[in-house]
Amino acid sequence: MQTTKEKIQDLLRQGECEVVFTKANGDEREMVCTLHTDYLPEFDEDAAKGNNNETEDVVTVWDVEADGWRRFRIDSIVSGPVLIS
């Protein structure tokens, strides 16, 4: 049985998704993100070292609009992720 995190990651691997979540400071944020290989940068060993604190409650994604890696907590999701392309 898949976890919630695995379900979210599977959807993100299909293409661009929109997710709305509440940031740690209380602001609401809309993000277009993905884990589809066509969008991801080449592997960067230094950047990968920064992902060592991810937990089952956190999803790391590629922010398509900001062109960078971002994270959000699963329990902070207001809506989505919804596949948009």
N, C-alpha and C. Protein backbone atom coordinates (compact mmCIF):
# COMPACT_ATOMS: atom_id res chain seq x y z
N MET A 1 0.84 -1.18 0.00
CA MET A 1 0.00 0.00 0.00
C MET A 1 0.89 1.25 0.00
N GLN A 2 0.57 2.19 -0.86
CA GLN A 2 1.36 3.42 -0.96
C GLN A 2 1.03 4.39 0.16
N THR A 3 2.06 5.10 0.60
CA THR A 3 1.84 6.17 1.56
C THR A 3 1.31 7.39 0.83
N THR A 4 0.83 8.36 1.59
CA THR A 4 0.37 9.61 1.00
C THR A 4 1.51 10.28 0.23
N LYS A 5 2.70 10.25 0.80
CA LYS A 5 3.85 10.86 0.14
C LYS A 5 4.12 10.18 -1.21
N GLU A 6 4.07 8.86 -1.25
CA GLU A 6 4.31 8.14 -2.50
C GLU A 6 3.25 8.47 -3.55
N LYS A 7 2.01 8.62 -3.13
CA LYS A 7 0.93 8.98 -4.06
C LYS A 7 1.18 10.37 -4.65
N ILE A 8 1.58 11.30 -3.80
CA ILE A 8 1.88 12.67 -4.26
C ILE A 8 3.05 12.63 -5.24
N GLN A 9 4.11 11.91 -4.90
CA GLN A 9 5.28 11.83 -5.77
C GLN A 9 4.93 11.18 -7.11
N ASP A 10 4.09 10.15 -7.11
CA ASP A 10 3.67 9.51 -8.36
C ASP A 10 2.95 10.49 -9.26
N LEU A 11 2.07 11.31 -8.70
CA LEU A 11 1.35 12.32 -9.48
C LEU A 11 2.33 13.35 -10.03
N LEU A 12 3.27 13.79 -9.20
CA LEU A 12 4.25 14.79 -9.63
C LEU A 12 5.17 14.25 -10.74
N ARG A 13 5.37 12.97 -10.79
CA ARG A 13 6.21 12.37 -11.84
C ARG A 13 5.51 12.36 -13.20
N GLN A 14 4.19 12.59 -13.22
CA GLN A 14 3.42 12.58 -14.46
C GLN A 14 3.54 13.88 -15.24
N GLY A 15 3.85 14.99 -14.56
CA GLY A 15 3.95 16.28 -15.24
C GLY A 15 3.88 17.42 -14.25
N GLU A 16 3.53 18.60 -14.76
CA GLU A 16 3.42 19.79 -13.92
C GLU A 16 2.15 19.71 -13.10
N CYS A 17 2.27 20.04 -11.82
CA CYS A 17 1.13 20.04 -10.91
C CYS A 17 1.07 21.37 -10.18
N GLU A 18 -0.13 21.75 -9.80
CA GLU A 18 -0.29 22.92 -8.96
C GLU A 18 -0.64 22.44 -7.55
N VAL A 19 0.04 23.00 -6.59
CA VAL A 19 -0.24 22.69 -5.19
C VAL A 19 -0.31 24.01 -4.43
N VAL A 20 -1.26 24.09 -3.53
CA VAL A 20 -1.40 25.26 -2.65
C VAL A 20 -1.16 24.76 -1.24
N PHE A 21 -0.27 25.44 -0.53
CA PHE A 21 0.05 25.03 0.83
C PHE A 21 0.31 26.25 1.70
N THR A 22 0.30 26.03 3.00
CA THR A 22 0.58 27.10 3.94
C THR A 22 2.03 27.00 4.37
N LYS A 23 2.77 28.08 4.16
CA LYS A 23 4.18 28.12 4.55
C LYS A 23 4.31 28.19 6.07
N ALA A 24 5.51 27.94 6.56
CA ALA A 24 5.77 27.95 8.00
C ALA A 24 5.42 29.29 8.64
N ASN A 25 5.55 30.39 7.87
CA ASN A 25 5.24 31.72 8.42
C ASN A 25 3.76 32.06 8.35
N GLY A 26 2.92 31.11 7.85
CA GLY A 26 1.48 31.32 7.78
C GLY A 26 0.97 31.80 6.44
N ASP A 27 1.87 32.23 5.55
CA ASP A 27 1.46 32.68 4.22
C ASP A 27 1.02 31.49 3.38
N GLU A 28 0.01 31.72 2.54
CA GLU A 28 -0.42 30.69 1.61
C GLU A 28 0.37 30.84 0.31
N ARG A 29 0.78 29.72 -0.26
CA ARG A 29 1.64 29.75 -1.45
C ARG A 29 1.09 28.81 -2.51
N GLU A 30 0.96 29.29 -3.74
CA GLU A 30 0.63 28.46 -4.89
C GLU A 30 1.94 28.15 -5.61
N MET A 31 2.11 26.90 -5.98
CA MET A 31 3.35 26.52 -6.64
C MET A 31 3.04 25.55 -7.78
N VAL A 32 3.68 25.79 -8.92
CA VAL A 32 3.65 24.83 -10.01
C VAL A 32 4.95 24.04 -9.90
N CYS A 33 4.80 22.74 -9.70
CA CYS A 33 5.98 21.92 -9.42
C CYS A 33 5.86 20.57 -10.10
N THR A 34 6.95 19.81 -10.08
CA THR A 34 6.98 18.53 -10.76
C THR A 34 8.12 17.67 -10.23
N LEU A 35 8.04 16.40 -10.57
CA LEU A 35 9.16 15.47 -10.42
C LEU A 35 9.37 14.73 -11.74
N HIS A 36 8.74 15.23 -12.81
CA HIS A 36 8.90 14.63 -14.14
C HIS A 36 10.32 14.85 -14.63
N THR A 37 10.95 13.80 -15.14
CA THR A 37 12.36 13.87 -15.51
C THR A 37 12.66 14.89 -16.61
N ASP A 38 11.68 15.23 -17.45
CA ASP A 38 11.90 16.23 -18.50
C ASP A 38 12.17 17.62 -17.93
N TYR A 39 11.75 17.88 -16.71
CA TYR A 39 11.89 19.20 -16.11
C TYR A 39 13.08 19.31 -15.17
N LEU A 40 13.55 18.18 -14.67
CA LEU A 40 14.57 18.20 -13.62
C LEU A 40 15.95 18.53 -14.18
N PRO A 41 16.75 19.24 -13.39
CA PRO A 41 18.13 19.55 -13.83
C PRO A 41 18.98 18.28 -13.76
N GLU A 42 20.15 18.37 -14.36
CA GLU A 42 21.08 17.26 -14.25
C GLU A 42 21.45 17.07 -12.79
N PHE A 43 21.83 15.87 -12.45
CA PHE A 43 22.17 15.56 -11.06
C PHE A 43 23.30 16.45 -10.58
N ASP A 44 23.11 17.05 -9.43
CA ASP A 44 24.09 17.93 -8.81
C ASP A 44 24.40 17.35 -7.43
N GLU A 45 25.59 16.79 -7.27
CA GLU A 45 25.94 16.12 -6.01
C GLU A 45 25.87 17.07 -4.82
N ASP A 46 26.30 18.30 -4.99
CA ASP A 46 26.26 19.26 -3.88
C ASP A 46 24.82 19.57 -3.48
N ALA A 47 23.93 19.73 -4.47
CA ALA A 47 22.52 20.01 -4.16
C ALA A 47 21.88 18.80 -3.50
N ALA A 48 22.25 17.61 -3.92
CA ALA A 48 21.67 16.40 -3.36
C ALA A 48 22.01 16.24 -1.88
N LYS A 49 23.15 16.73 -1.47
CA LYS A 49 23.54 16.63 -0.06
C LYS A 49 22.59 17.42 0.83
N GLY A 50 21.95 18.43 0.28
CA GLY A 50 21.02 19.23 1.06
C GLY A 50 19.69 18.55 1.32
N ASN A 51 19.44 17.41 0.70
CA ASN A 51 18.15 16.72 0.86
C ASN A 51 18.16 15.68 1.97
N ASN A 52 19.15 15.70 2.84
CA ASN A 52 19.27 14.65 3.82
C ASN A 52 18.31 14.79 5.00
N ASN A 53 17.58 15.88 5.11
CA ASN A 53 16.66 16.03 6.24
C ASN A 53 15.20 15.85 5.83
N GLU A 54 14.95 15.26 4.68
CA GLU A 54 13.58 15.00 4.25
C GLU A 54 13.00 13.85 5.08
N THR A 55 11.76 14.02 5.46
CA THR A 55 11.07 13.00 6.24
C THR A 55 9.85 12.51 5.47
N GLU A 56 9.12 11.61 6.07
CA GLU A 56 7.90 11.09 5.45
C GLU A 56 6.83 12.17 5.33
N ASP A 57 6.97 13.25 6.10
CA ASP A 57 6.00 14.35 6.10
C ASP A 57 6.34 15.47 5.13
N VAL A 58 7.50 15.39 4.47
CA VAL A 58 7.99 16.46 3.61
C VAL A 58 8.20 15.92 2.20
N VAL A 59 7.79 16.72 1.20
CA VAL A 59 7.99 16.37 -0.20
C VAL A 59 8.90 17.41 -0.83
N THR A 60 9.95 16.95 -1.48
CA THR A 60 10.85 17.83 -2.22
C THR A 60 10.45 17.79 -3.69
N VAL A 61 10.30 18.98 -4.30
CA VAL A 61 9.83 19.08 -5.68
C VAL A 61 10.66 20.10 -6.45
N TRP A 62 10.55 20.05 -7.76
CA TRP A 62 11.16 21.07 -8.61
C TRP A 62 10.10 22.13 -8.87
N ASP A 63 10.37 23.37 -8.43
CA ASP A 63 9.47 24.50 -8.66
C ASP A 63 9.73 25.00 -10.07
N VAL A 64 8.76 24.78 -10.96
CA VAL A 64 8.92 25.10 -12.38
C VAL A 64 9.10 26.59 -12.60
N GLU A 65 8.36 27.41 -11.88
CA GLU A 65 8.42 28.86 -12.08
C GLU A 65 9.66 29.48 -11.46
N ALA A 66 10.12 28.97 -10.32
CA ALA A 66 11.31 29.52 -9.65
C ALA A 66 12.59 28.83 -10.13
N ASP A 67 12.43 27.74 -10.88
CA ASP A 67 13.58 27.01 -11.42
C ASP A 67 14.52 26.55 -10.30
N GLY A 68 13.92 25.92 -9.29
CA GLY A 68 14.73 25.46 -8.17
C GLY A 68 13.99 24.45 -7.32
N TRP A 69 14.74 23.78 -6.45
CA TRP A 69 14.17 22.79 -5.54
C TRP A 69 13.46 23.49 -4.39
N ARG A 70 12.28 22.98 -4.04
CA ARG A 70 11.50 23.49 -2.92
C ARG A 70 10.93 22.31 -2.15
N ARG A 71 10.50 22.57 -0.92
CA ARG A 71 9.89 21.55 -0.07
C ARG A 71 8.60 22.08 0.51
N PHE A 72 7.68 21.16 0.76
CA PHE A 72 6.49 21.51 1.52
C PHE A 72 6.09 20.31 2.39
N ARG A 73 5.45 20.63 3.49
CA ARG A 73 4.96 19.59 4.39
C ARG A 73 3.61 19.10 3.89
N ILE A 74 3.41 17.81 3.94
CA ILE A 74 2.16 17.22 3.47
C ILE A 74 0.98 17.77 4.28
N ASP A 75 1.16 17.95 5.57
CA ASP A 75 0.05 18.43 6.40
C ASP A 75 -0.24 19.92 6.20
N SER A 76 0.56 20.61 5.38
CA SER A 76 0.30 22.02 5.10
C SER A 76 -0.46 22.24 3.79
N ILE A 77 -0.75 21.16 3.06
CA ILE A 77 -1.42 21.28 1.76
C ILE A 77 -2.85 21.76 1.96
N VAL A 78 -3.19 22.84 1.23
CA VAL A 78 -4.55 23.38 1.23
C VAL A 78 -5.34 22.73 0.10
N SER A 79 -4.70 22.61 -1.09
CA SER A 79 -5.32 21.93 -2.23
C SER A 79 -4.24 21.38 -3.15
N GLY A 80 -4.60 20.33 -3.85
CA GLY A 80 -3.68 19.70 -4.78
C GLY A 80 -2.90 18.58 -4.13
N PRO A 81 -1.87 18.14 -4.81
CA PRO A 81 -1.47 18.59 -6.13
C PRO A 81 -2.47 18.16 -7.20
N VAL A 82 -2.64 19.04 -8.19
CA VAL A 82 -3.52 18.80 -9.32
C VAL A 82 -2.67 18.85 -10.58
N LEU A 83 -2.76 17.81 -11.40
CA LEU A 83 -2.00 17.74 -12.65
C LEU A 83 -2.53 18.78 -13.61
N ILE A 84 -1.64 19.67 -14.12
CA ILE A 84 -2.06 20.71 -15.05
C ILE A 84 -1.47 20.54 -16.45
N SER A 85 -0.43 19.70 -16.58
CA SER A 85 0.10 19.41 -17.92
C SER A 85 0.92 18.15 -17.90
